[in-house]
Amino acid sequence: MSLFKKKNTTPALFVLLDDEFNRAKQQGKNYFFHLLYDNERDLAGKWCQKNNVYMDIDHQTDGNVFYKFKF
């Protein structure tokens, strides 16, 4: 039994994007939409580079910016 266990350092945003990415693939789509806050944009960009996905602003509703992730 180890005293020091390695914590899971996967950001929660990565888990959400992975889930939506896999769901879109299963449905036969090549894109999905996700709401991102300003402080999450850089982290989402890193996820996109890792998964070869293109991210672009799609629409804005009531100050919320929705991005389209296309693969």
Protein backbone atom coordinates (compact mmCIF):
# COMPACT_ATOMS: atom_id res chain seq x y z
CA MET A 1 0.00 0.00 0.00
CA SER A 2 1.48 3.27 -1.09
CA LEU A 3 1.22 6.41 0.99
CA PHE A 4 1.43 8.64 -2.04
CA LYS A 5 -1.07 7.90 -4.77
CA LYS A 6 -0.92 9.66 -8.09
CA LYS A 7 -3.96 11.86 -8.54
CA ASN A 8 -5.92 11.91 -11.76
CA THR A 9 -4.92 15.20 -13.35
CA THR A 10 -7.20 15.01 -16.39
CA PRO A 11 -9.14 18.28 -16.59
CA ALA A 12 -12.90 17.95 -16.35
CA LEU A 13 -13.27 19.76 -19.67
CA PHE A 14 -11.29 16.99 -21.39
CA VAL A 15 -13.69 14.39 -19.99
CA LEU A 16 -16.72 16.34 -21.25
CA LEU A 17 -15.24 16.89 -24.70
CA ASP A 18 -14.17 13.24 -24.96
CA ASP A 19 -17.70 12.15 -24.11
CA GLU A 20 -19.32 14.43 -26.69
CA PHE A 21 -16.67 13.47 -29.28
CA ASN A 22 -17.36 9.75 -28.84
CA ARG A 23 -21.14 10.28 -28.86
CA ALA A 24 -20.93 12.24 -32.13
CA LYS A 25 -18.81 9.47 -33.69
CA GLN A 26 -21.34 6.83 -32.65
CA GLN A 27 -24.16 8.85 -34.20
CA GLY A 28 -22.23 9.13 -37.47
CA LYS A 29 -21.69 12.88 -37.21
CA ASN A 30 -18.43 14.68 -37.91
CA TYR A 31 -19.07 17.59 -35.53
CA PHE A 32 -20.55 18.56 -32.17
CA PHE A 33 -21.33 21.79 -30.31
CA HIS A 34 -20.15 22.79 -26.85
CA LEU A 35 -20.47 25.90 -24.70
CA LEU A 36 -17.08 27.26 -23.62
CA TYR A 37 -16.28 30.05 -21.20
CA ASP A 38 -13.44 32.46 -21.92
CA ASN A 39 -11.09 30.77 -19.43
CA GLU A 40 -11.68 27.32 -21.02
CA ARG A 41 -10.79 28.29 -24.60
CA ASP A 42 -7.03 27.61 -24.30
CA LEU A 43 -7.61 24.27 -22.61
CA ALA A 44 -10.11 23.29 -25.32
CA GLY A 45 -7.49 24.25 -27.92
CA LYS A 46 -5.04 21.80 -26.34
CA TRP A 47 -7.69 19.09 -26.45
CA CYS A 48 -8.30 19.84 -30.13
CA GLN A 49 -4.60 19.51 -30.96
CA LYS A 50 -4.47 16.19 -29.15
CA ASN A 51 -7.51 14.79 -31.01
CA ASN A 52 -7.03 16.44 -34.44
CA VAL A 53 -10.25 18.43 -34.12
CA TYR A 54 -10.95 21.91 -35.49
CA MET A 55 -12.72 24.38 -33.15
CA ASP A 56 -14.53 27.52 -34.32
CA ILE A 57 -17.12 29.90 -32.89
CA ASP A 58 -20.57 28.91 -34.15
CA HIS A 59 -23.06 31.17 -32.43
CA GLN A 60 -23.65 33.33 -29.37
CA THR A 61 -26.82 33.27 -27.28
CA ASP A 62 -27.41 35.56 -24.30
CA GLY A 63 -23.66 36.13 -23.92
CA ASN A 64 -22.87 32.40 -24.07
CA VAL A 65 -20.48 31.42 -26.85
CA PHE A 66 -21.05 28.04 -28.48
CA TYR A 67 -18.22 26.44 -30.40
CA LYS A 68 -18.44 23.89 -33.20
CA PHE A 69 -15.90 21.09 -32.97
CA LYS A 70 -15.37 19.46 -36.37
CA PHE A 71 -13.33 16.32 -37.05
